[in-house]
Amino acid sequence: MAQETKFETIQAVDRALHILETLGRVNTINLADLNREIKVNKASLSRLLYTLERNGYIVKNEKTNEFSLTMKTYEVGLNALQNIDRLSLINSTLVDLNSQTGRIAQFSVEDNNQLLCLQSVGKESLSFSVYTSVGYRSPLYSTSAGKALLSTYPNGTIIEKWEQMNIQPLTEHTLTDIQSFLQDMGLTRQRGYALDIEENEYHVFCVGSVIMDYTNKPIGSISISGSSLTKEEENNISKILMDSCKKLSGLLGYAR
């Protein structure tokens, strides 16, 4: 049996975290009081405070010589909280979409110029490929979720990404010409949703739309997949999807 490696904590990091925890508890404190709380010599404590200040985690009031936390520490905690809440909100949205449409609802993100499926709700049809499976990757250019994400970029960036992707015809409907793809991007932006009409695989039709957050940037996209997509189905599904994505984006802090 391999022996477990035992590590010791880094004293300076321990002390820096102690400072942040103390400031979080008392709100503001001067060097002398912090010295009594942390029990570190003033020279070392001053260096720790300087480091935290330079990195934007604390600020010194020059009039009172007291230190306090900045909004950066709040942002770190908020991001952690939102990551937890975000997954719950997204899953709830997928469940609602699956219930309303009777189709597979998925949340995917862009990762290294590919589409990575993170969450999926709905019974998978035997005719569906790994595109509908959590943890699997698929092309950005041939999927509704991927195309929705690409549509948020300017055309120049899309062209740069296009050159980095292995573009190939997955079906006879796959767009492999950059000019045709850019035209499709224009339609996607105009509609507010992307379409995959058997572009990634035969007998699979998808509608996709992006999810935005408080940074006003896309965090991923949601797609609705089924084995058909008449014009009436497209109209109904796209409306349901866009309404849900708009609501979810608002809950995640998107302001527009």
C-alpha atoms as a PDB file:
ATOM      1  CA  MET A   1       0.000   0.000   0.000  1.00  0.00           C
ATOM      2  CA  ALA A   2       1.360   3.409  -0.932  1.00  0.00           C
ATOM      3  CA  GLN A   3       2.105   5.627   2.023  1.00  0.00           C
ATOM      4  CA  GLU A   4      -0.135   8.666   2.225  1.00  0.00           C
ATOM      5  CA  THR A   5       1.740  11.926   1.781  1.00  0.00           C
ATOM      6  CA  LYS A   6       1.268  14.307   4.697  1.00  0.00           C
ATOM      7  CA  PHE A   7       1.562  18.027   4.168  1.00  0.00           C
ATOM      8  CA  GLU A   8       1.990  20.879   6.598  1.00  0.00           C
ATOM      9  CA  THR A   9       0.144  24.135   6.140  1.00  0.00           C
ATOM     10  CA  ILE A  10       2.014  27.255   5.017  1.00  0.00           C
ATOM     11  CA  GLN A  11       2.232  29.553   7.990  1.00  0.00           C
ATOM     12  CA  ALA A  12       2.002  32.796   6.020  1.00  0.00           C
ATOM     13  CA  VAL A  13      -1.164  31.590   4.257  1.00  0.00           C
ATOM     14  CA  ASP A  14      -2.686  30.504   7.571  1.00  0.00           C
ATOM     15  CA  ARG A  15      -2.023  33.954   9.003  1.00  0.00           C
ATOM     16  CA  ALA A  16      -3.364  35.763   5.944  1.00  0.00           C
ATOM     17  CA  LEU A  17      -6.584  33.743   6.117  1.00  0.00           C
ATOM     18  CA  HIS A  18      -6.796  34.489   9.849  1.00  0.00           C
ATOM     19  CA  ILE A  19      -6.574  38.197   9.039  1.00  0.00           C
ATOM     20  CA  LEU A  20      -9.385  37.960   6.496  1.00  0.00           C
ATOM     21  CA  GLU A  21     -11.570  35.967   8.895  1.00  0.00           C
ATOM     22  CA  THR A  22     -10.922  38.485  11.667  1.00  0.00           C
ATOM     23  CA  LEU A  23     -11.809  41.440   9.452  1.00  0.00           C
ATOM     24  CA  GLY A  24     -14.924  39.627   8.347  1.00  0.00           C
ATOM     25  CA  ARG A  25     -15.944  39.321  11.985  1.00  0.00           C
ATOM     26  CA  VAL A  26     -15.012  42.765  13.378  1.00  0.00           C
ATOM     27  CA  ASN A  27     -15.464  44.832  10.195  1.00  0.00           C
ATOM     28  CA  THR A  28     -12.555  47.256  10.864  1.00  0.00           C
ATOM     29  CA  ILE A  29      -9.443  46.986  13.020  1.00  0.00           C
ATOM     30  CA  ASN A  30      -6.129  48.818  13.483  1.00  0.00           C
ATOM     31  CA  LEU A  31      -2.676  47.286  13.434  1.00  0.00           C
ATOM     32  CA  ALA A  32      -2.253  47.163  17.224  1.00  0.00           C
ATOM     33  CA  ASP A  33      -5.569  45.400  17.848  1.00  0.00           C
ATOM     34  CA  LEU A  34      -4.966  43.030  14.954  1.00  0.00           C
ATOM     35  CA  ASN A  35      -1.519  42.268  16.364  1.00  0.00           C
ATOM     36  CA  ARG A  36      -3.108  41.212  19.657  1.00  0.00           C
ATOM     37  CA  GLU A  37      -5.673  39.114  17.776  1.00  0.00           C
ATOM     38  CA  ILE A  38      -3.277  37.394  15.370  1.00  0.00           C
ATOM     39  CA  LYS A  39      -0.303  37.271  17.752  1.00  0.00           C
ATOM     40  CA  VAL A  40       2.282  37.891  15.049  1.00  0.00           C
ATOM     41  CA  ASN A  41       5.104  40.393  15.333  1.00  0.00           C
ATOM     42  CA  LYS A  42       4.224  43.743  13.774  1.00  0.00           C
ATOM     43  CA  ALA A  43       6.847  43.540  11.025  1.00  0.00           C
ATOM     44  CA  SER A  44       5.482  40.226   9.716  1.00  0.00           C
ATOM     45  CA  LEU A  45       1.909  41.392  10.193  1.00  0.00           C
ATOM     46  CA  SER A  46       2.593  44.575   8.240  1.00  0.00           C
ATOM     47  CA  ARG A  47       3.982  42.556   5.336  1.00  0.00           C
ATOM     48  CA  LEU A  48       0.915  40.321   5.343  1.00  0.00           C
ATOM     49  CA  LEU A  49      -1.394  43.341   5.373  1.00  0.00           C
ATOM     50  CA  TYR A  50       0.572  44.965   2.576  1.00  0.00           C
ATOM     51  CA  THR A  51       0.291  41.806   0.464  1.00  0.00           C
ATOM     52  CA  LEU A  52      -3.463  41.539   1.023  1.00  0.00           C
ATOM     53  CA  GLU A  53      -3.876  45.230   0.255  1.00  0.00           C
ATOM     54  CA  ARG A  54      -1.853  45.046  -2.953  1.00  0.00           C
ATOM     55  CA  ASN A  55      -3.978  42.091  -4.088  1.00  0.00           C
ATOM     56  CA  GLY A  56      -7.147  44.061  -3.459  1.00  0.00           C
ATOM     57  CA  TYR A  57      -8.581  42.078  -0.550  1.00  0.00           C
ATOM     58  CA  ILE A  58      -8.278  44.730   2.145  1.00  0.00           C
ATOM     59  CA  VAL A  59      -8.062  48.513   2.250  1.00  0.00           C
ATOM     60  CA  LYS A  60      -6.538  50.896   4.800  1.00  0.00           C
ATOM     61  CA  ASN A  61      -8.307  54.049   5.950  1.00  0.00           C
ATOM     62  CA  GLU A  62      -5.512  56.618   5.996  1.00  0.00           C
ATOM     63  CA  LYS A  63      -7.375  58.810   8.496  1.00  0.00           C
ATOM     64  CA  THR A  64      -8.101  56.143  11.119  1.00  0.00           C
ATOM     65  CA  ASN A  65      -5.312  53.688  10.179  1.00  0.00           C
ATOM     66  CA  GLU A  66      -7.886  50.920  10.310  1.00  0.00           C
ATOM     67  CA  PHE A  67      -8.126  48.030   7.868  1.00  0.00           C
ATOM     68  CA  SER A  68     -11.290  46.598   6.373  1.00  0.00           C
ATOM     69  CA  LEU A  69     -12.297  44.098   3.698  1.00  0.00           C
ATOM     70  CA  THR A  70     -12.952  45.201   0.132  1.00  0.00           C
ATOM     71  CA  MET A  71     -15.702  44.089  -2.214  1.00  0.00           C
ATOM     72  CA  LYS A  72     -13.251  41.626  -3.759  1.00  0.00           C
ATOM     73  CA  THR A  73     -13.689  39.270  -0.811  1.00  0.00           C
ATOM     74  CA  TYR A  74     -17.445  39.623  -1.197  1.00  0.00           C
ATOM     75  CA  GLU A  75     -17.116  38.829  -4.888  1.00  0.00           C
ATOM     76  CA  VAL A  76     -15.171  35.628  -4.150  1.00  0.00           C
ATOM     77  CA  GLY A  77     -17.822  34.458  -1.699  1.00  0.00           C
ATOM     78  CA  LEU A  78     -20.628  35.495  -4.017  1.00  0.00           C
ATOM     79  CA  ASN A  79     -19.123  33.541  -6.888  1.00  0.00           C
ATOM     80  CA  ALA A  80     -18.912  30.428  -4.730  1.00  0.00           C
ATOM     81  CA  LEU A  81     -22.525  30.860  -3.635  1.00  0.00           C
ATOM     82  CA  GLN A  82     -23.712  31.506  -7.162  1.00  0.00           C
ATOM     83  CA  ASN A  83     -21.943  28.404  -8.436  1.00  0.00           C
ATOM     84  CA  ILE A  84     -23.973  26.342  -5.978  1.00  0.00           C
ATOM     85  CA  ASP A  85     -27.240  28.150  -6.638  1.00  0.00           C
ATOM     86  CA  ARG A  86     -26.553  28.286 -10.369  1.00  0.00           C
ATOM     87  CA  LEU A  87     -26.572  24.509 -10.798  1.00  0.00           C
ATOM     88  CA  SER A  88     -29.814  24.238  -8.863  1.00  0.00           C
ATOM     89  CA  LEU A  89     -31.479  26.981 -10.908  1.00  0.00           C
ATOM     90  CA  ILE A  90     -30.299  25.490 -14.191  1.00  0.00           C
ATOM     91  CA  ASN A  91     -31.504  22.007 -13.275  1.00  0.00           C
ATOM     92  CA  SER A  92     -34.880  23.389 -12.233  1.00  0.00           C
ATOM     93  CA  THR A  93     -35.147  25.174 -15.573  1.00  0.00           C
ATOM     94  CA  LEU A  94     -34.274  21.986 -17.471  1.00  0.00           C
ATOM     95  CA  VAL A  95     -36.923  20.045 -15.572  1.00  0.00           C
ATOM     96  CA  ASP A  96     -39.538  22.692 -16.453  1.00  0.00           C
ATOM     97  CA  LEU A  97     -38.513  22.723 -20.110  1.00  0.00           C
ATOM     98  CA  ASN A  98     -38.659  18.947 -20.334  1.00  0.00           C
ATOM     99  CA  SER A  99     -42.096  19.005 -18.755  1.00  0.00           C
ATOM    100  CA  GLN A 100     -43.403  21.725 -21.084  1.00  0.00           C
ATOM    101  CA  THR A 101     -41.991  20.362 -24.328  1.00  0.00           C
ATOM    102  CA  GLY A 102     -41.744  16.626 -23.691  1.00  0.00           C
ATOM    103  CA  ARG A 103     -38.230  16.763 -25.134  1.00  0.00           C
ATOM    104  CA  ILE A 104     -34.690  16.433 -23.835  1.00  0.00           C
ATOM    105  CA  ALA A 105     -33.435  19.642 -22.212  1.00  0.00           C
ATOM    106  CA  GLN A 106     -29.717  20.111 -21.775  1.00  0.00           C
ATOM    107  CA  PHE A 107     -27.282  22.653 -20.397  1.00  0.00           C
ATOM    108  CA  SER A 108     -23.890  22.803 -22.090  1.00  0.00           C
ATOM    109  CA  VAL A 109     -20.828  25.026 -21.957  1.00  0.00           C
ATOM    110  CA  GLU A 110     -18.059  25.943 -24.358  1.00  0.00           C
ATOM    111  CA  ASP A 111     -14.779  24.245 -23.493  1.00  0.00           C
ATOM    112  CA  ASN A 112     -11.681  24.375 -25.681  1.00  0.00           C
ATOM    113  CA  ASN A 113     -13.696  25.120 -28.834  1.00  0.00           C
ATOM    114  CA  GLN A 114     -16.044  22.217 -28.131  1.00  0.00           C
ATOM    115  CA  LEU A 115     -19.465  21.842 -26.564  1.00  0.00           C
ATOM    116  CA  LEU A 116     -19.492  20.035 -23.223  1.00  0.00           C
ATOM    117  CA  CYS A 117     -22.826  18.770 -21.863  1.00  0.00           C
ATOM    118  CA  LEU A 118     -23.085  19.293 -18.099  1.00  0.00           C
ATOM    119  CA  GLN A 119     -26.740  18.601 -17.350  1.00  0.00           C
ATOM    120  CA  SER A 120     -29.484  16.732 -19.156  1.00  0.00           C
ATOM    121  CA  VAL A 121     -33.112  16.087 -18.291  1.00  0.00           C
ATOM    122  CA  GLY A 122     -35.395  13.769 -20.230  1.00  0.00           C
ATOM    123  CA  LYS A 123     -35.571  10.192 -21.412  1.00  0.00           C
ATOM    124  CA  GLU A 124     -32.980   9.562 -24.089  1.00  0.00           C
ATOM    125  CA  SER A 125     -34.232   8.013 -27.294  1.00  0.00           C
ATOM    126  CA  LEU A 126     -32.301   5.053 -28.670  1.00  0.00           C
ATOM    127  CA  SER A 127     -31.808   7.030 -31.882  1.00  0.00           C
ATOM    128  CA  PHE A 128     -29.911   9.734 -30.020  1.00  0.00           C
ATOM    129  CA  SER A 129     -26.118   9.661 -29.888  1.00  0.00           C
ATOM    130  CA  VAL A 130     -23.710  10.661 -27.130  1.00  0.00           C
ATOM    131  CA  TYR A 131     -24.612  14.281 -27.908  1.00  0.00           C
ATOM    132  CA  THR A 132     -27.410  13.858 -25.408  1.00  0.00           C
ATOM    133  CA  SER A 133     -25.215  12.384 -22.669  1.00  0.00           C
ATOM    134  CA  VAL A 134     -23.748  14.297 -19.737  1.00  0.00           C
ATOM    135  CA  GLY A 135     -19.988  14.593 -19.878  1.00  0.00           C
ATOM    136  CA  TYR A 136     -19.704  14.116 -23.615  1.00  0.00           C
ATOM    137  CA  ARG A 137     -18.395  16.647 -26.102  1.00  0.00           C
ATOM    138  CA  SER A 138     -19.713  17.637 -29.491  1.00  0.00           C
ATOM    139  CA  PRO A 139     -18.870  20.297 -32.076  1.00  0.00           C
ATOM    140  CA  LEU A 140     -19.845  23.914 -31.558  1.00  0.00           C
ATOM    141  CA  TYR A 141     -20.540  24.522 -35.257  1.00  0.00           C
ATOM    142  CA  SER A 142     -23.110  21.736 -35.768  1.00  0.00           C
ATOM    143  CA  THR A 143     -25.181  21.892 -32.567  1.00  0.00           C
ATOM    144  CA  SER A 144     -27.852  24.397 -31.578  1.00  0.00           C
ATOM    145  CA  ALA A 145     -26.279  24.958 -28.152  1.00  0.00           C
ATOM    146  CA  GLY A 146     -22.860  25.473 -29.694  1.00  0.00           C
ATOM    147  CA  LYS A 147     -24.154  27.765 -32.418  1.00  0.00           C
ATOM    148  CA  ALA A 148     -26.047  29.813 -29.829  1.00  0.00           C
ATOM    149  CA  LEU A 149     -22.800  30.343 -27.923  1.00  0.00           C
ATOM    150  CA  LEU A 150     -20.845  31.202 -31.073  1.00  0.00           C
ATOM    151  CA  SER A 151     -23.476  33.783 -32.038  1.00  0.00           C
ATOM    152  CA  THR A 152     -22.494  35.887 -29.020  1.00  0.00           C
ATOM    153  CA  TYR A 153     -19.065  36.506 -30.551  1.00  0.00           C
ATOM    154  CA  PRO A 154     -18.317  39.054 -33.288  1.00  0.00           C
ATOM    155  CA  ASN A 155     -17.791  37.553 -36.729  1.00  0.00           C
ATOM    156  CA  GLY A 156     -14.044  38.130 -36.555  1.00  0.00           C
ATOM    157  CA  THR A 157     -13.774  35.980 -33.452  1.00  0.00           C
ATOM    158  CA  ILE A 158     -16.003  33.305 -34.997  1.00  0.00           C
ATOM    159  CA  ILE A 159     -13.663  33.145 -37.997  1.00  0.00           C
ATOM    160  CA  GLU A 160     -10.660  32.731 -35.672  1.00  0.00           C
ATOM    161  CA  LYS A 161     -12.418  29.918 -33.817  1.00  0.00           C
ATOM    162  CA  TRP A 162     -13.536  28.356 -37.097  1.00  0.00           C
ATOM    163  CA  GLU A 163      -9.919  28.039 -38.176  1.00  0.00           C
ATOM    164  CA  GLN A 164      -9.083  26.246 -34.919  1.00  0.00           C
ATOM    165  CA  MET A 165     -11.933  23.729 -35.189  1.00  0.00           C
ATOM    166  CA  ASN A 166     -11.888  20.517 -37.187  1.00  0.00           C
ATOM    167  CA  ILE A 167     -14.751  21.389 -39.521  1.00  0.00           C
ATOM    168  CA  GLN A 168     -16.207  18.379 -41.286  1.00  0.00           C
ATOM    169  CA  PRO A 169     -19.618  17.375 -42.672  1.00  0.00           C
ATOM    170  CA  LEU A 170     -21.296  15.208 -40.040  1.00  0.00           C
ATOM    171  CA  THR A 171     -24.419  15.004 -42.186  1.00  0.00           C
ATOM    172  CA  GLU A 172     -25.385  16.447 -45.548  1.00  0.00           C
ATOM    173  CA  HIS A 173     -26.929  19.390 -43.645  1.00  0.00           C
ATOM    174  CA  THR A 174     -23.789  20.417 -41.732  1.00  0.00           C
ATOM    175  CA  LEU A 175     -22.601  23.931 -42.546  1.00  0.00           C
ATOM    176  CA  THR A 176     -18.936  23.665 -43.488  1.00  0.00           C
ATOM    177  CA  ASP A 177     -18.555  26.917 -45.422  1.00  0.00           C
ATOM    178  CA  ILE A 178     -17.648  29.883 -43.224  1.00  0.00           C
ATOM    179  CA  GLN A 179     -19.696  32.396 -45.239  1.00  0.00           C
ATOM    180  CA  SER A 180     -22.818  30.220 -44.999  1.00  0.00           C
ATOM    181  CA  PHE A 181     -22.146  29.762 -41.297  1.00  0.00           C
ATOM    182  CA  LEU A 182     -21.820  33.514 -40.715  1.00  0.00           C
ATOM    183  CA  GLN A 183     -25.155  34.010 -42.466  1.00  0.00           C
ATOM    184  CA  ASP A 184     -26.638  31.446 -40.089  1.00  0.00           C
ATOM    185  CA  MET A 185     -25.102  33.360 -37.184  1.00  0.00           C
ATOM    186  CA  GLY A 186     -26.850  36.488 -38.405  1.00  0.00           C
ATOM    187  CA  LEU A 187     -30.192  34.672 -38.421  1.00  0.00           C
ATOM    188  CA  THR A 188     -29.463  33.238 -34.977  1.00  0.00           C
ATOM    189  CA  ARG A 189     -28.826  36.697 -33.528  1.00  0.00           C
ATOM    190  CA  GLN A 190     -31.955  38.030 -35.214  1.00  0.00           C
ATOM    191  CA  ARG A 191     -34.176  35.203 -33.923  1.00  0.00           C
ATOM    192  CA  GLY A 192     -32.583  34.954 -30.499  1.00  0.00           C
ATOM    193  CA  TYR A 193     -32.092  31.198 -30.816  1.00  0.00           C
ATOM    194  CA  ALA A 194     -30.059  28.723 -32.871  1.00  0.00           C
ATOM    195  CA  LEU A 195     -31.235  25.708 -34.835  1.00  0.00           C
ATOM    196  CA  ASP A 196     -29.684  22.319 -35.505  1.00  0.00           C
ATOM    197  CA  ILE A 197     -31.690  20.759 -38.305  1.00  0.00           C
ATOM    198  CA  GLU A 198     -30.019  17.359 -38.565  1.00  0.00           C
ATOM    199  CA  GLU A 199     -26.662  19.137 -38.755  1.00  0.00           C
ATOM    200  CA  ASN A 200     -24.960  17.098 -36.057  1.00  0.00           C
ATOM    201  CA  GLU A 201     -26.730  13.796 -36.697  1.00  0.00           C
ATOM    202  CA  TYR A 202     -29.675  12.543 -38.676  1.00  0.00           C
ATOM    203  CA  HIS A 203     -33.155  12.466 -37.093  1.00  0.00           C
ATOM    204  CA  VAL A 204     -32.136  14.918 -34.357  1.00  0.00           C
ATOM    205  CA  PHE A 205     -33.563  18.454 -34.334  1.00  0.00           C
ATOM    206  CA  CYS A 206     -32.580  21.001 -31.701  1.00  0.00           C
ATOM    207  CA  VAL A 207     -33.298  24.567 -30.616  1.00  0.00           C
ATOM    208  CA  GLY A 208     -30.700  26.364 -28.488  1.00  0.00           C
ATOM    209  CA  SER A 209     -30.387  29.647 -26.616  1.00  0.00           C
ATOM    210  CA  VAL A 210     -27.720  31.171 -24.380  1.00  0.00           C
ATOM    211  CA  ILE A 211     -27.765  31.808 -20.643  1.00  0.00           C
ATOM    212  CA  MET A 212     -26.212  35.079 -19.463  1.00  0.00           C
ATOM    213  CA  ASP A 213     -25.135  36.072 -15.950  1.00  0.00           C
ATOM    214  CA  TYR A 214     -24.277  39.220 -13.976  1.00  0.00           C
ATOM    215  CA  THR A 215     -21.051  39.706 -15.965  1.00  0.00           C
ATOM    216  CA  ASN A 216     -23.236  40.163 -19.073  1.00  0.00           C
ATOM    217  CA  LYS A 217     -21.455  37.222 -20.679  1.00  0.00           C
ATOM    218  CA  PRO A 218     -22.791  33.784 -21.630  1.00  0.00           C
ATOM    219  CA  ILE A 219     -22.120  31.026 -19.109  1.00  0.00           C
ATOM    220  CA  GLY A 220     -23.531  28.323 -21.359  1.00  0.00           C
ATOM    221  CA  SER A 221     -26.585  27.443 -23.381  1.00  0.00           C
ATOM    222  CA  ILE A 222     -29.710  25.345 -23.135  1.00  0.00           C
ATOM    223  CA  SER A 223     -30.931  23.159 -25.977  1.00  0.00           C
ATOM    224  CA  ILE A 224     -34.192  21.341 -26.572  1.00  0.00           C
ATOM    225  CA  SER A 225     -33.788  18.168 -28.637  1.00  0.00           C
ATOM    226  CA  GLY A 226     -36.303  15.955 -30.390  1.00  0.00           C
ATOM    227  CA  SER A 227     -36.851  13.764 -33.428  1.00  0.00           C
ATOM    228  CA  SER A 228     -38.843  16.354 -35.386  1.00  0.00           C
ATOM    229  CA  LEU A 229     -39.179  20.109 -35.778  1.00  0.00           C
ATOM    230  CA  THR A 230     -42.037  21.428 -37.839  1.00  0.00           C
ATOM    231  CA  LYS A 231     -42.413  25.192 -38.183  1.00  0.00           C
ATOM    232  CA  GLU A 232     -45.170  25.128 -35.579  1.00  0.00           C
ATOM    233  CA  GLU A 233     -42.984  23.105 -33.217  1.00  0.00           C
ATOM    234  CA  GLU A 234     -40.096  25.505 -33.781  1.00  0.00           C
ATOM    235  CA  ASN A 235     -42.271  28.510 -32.950  1.00  0.00           C
ATOM    236  CA  ASN A 236     -43.675  26.939 -29.786  1.00  0.00           C
ATOM    237  CA  ILE A 237     -40.402  25.487 -28.505  1.00  0.00           C
ATOM    238  CA  SER A 238     -38.323  28.585 -29.271  1.00  0.00           C
ATOM    239  CA  LYS A 239     -40.771  30.813 -27.376  1.00  0.00           C
ATOM    240  CA  ILE A 240     -40.786  28.524 -24.342  1.00  0.00           C
ATOM    241  CA  LEU A 241     -36.992  28.218 -24.455  1.00  0.00           C
ATOM    242  CA  MET A 242     -36.274  31.931 -24.849  1.00  0.00           C
ATOM    243  CA  ASP A 243     -38.707  32.846 -22.084  1.00  0.00           C
ATOM    244  CA  SER A 244     -37.014  30.341 -19.769  1.00  0.00           C
ATOM    245  CA  CYS A 245     -33.501  31.475 -20.703  1.00  0.00           C
ATOM    246  CA  LYS A 246     -34.431  35.119 -20.201  1.00  0.00           C
ATOM    247  CA  LYS A 247     -35.889  34.344 -16.778  1.00  0.00           C
ATOM    248  CA  LEU A 248     -32.888  32.239 -15.746  1.00  0.00           C
ATOM    249  CA  SER A 249     -30.454  34.873 -16.966  1.00  0.00           C
ATOM    250  CA  GLY A 250     -32.287  37.459 -14.868  1.00  0.00           C
ATOM    251  CA  LEU A 251     -32.021  35.258 -11.792  1.00  0.00           C
ATOM    252  CA  LEU A 252     -28.279  34.973 -12.422  1.00  0.00           C
ATOM    253  CA  GLY A 253     -27.949  38.765 -12.475  1.00  0.00           C
ATOM    254  CA  TYR A 254     -28.083  39.554 -16.186  1.00  0.00           C
ATOM    255  CA  ALA A 255     -29.164  43.183 -16.381  1.00  0.00           C
ATOM    256  CA  ARG A 256     -30.148  43.715 -20.022  1.00  0.00           C
END
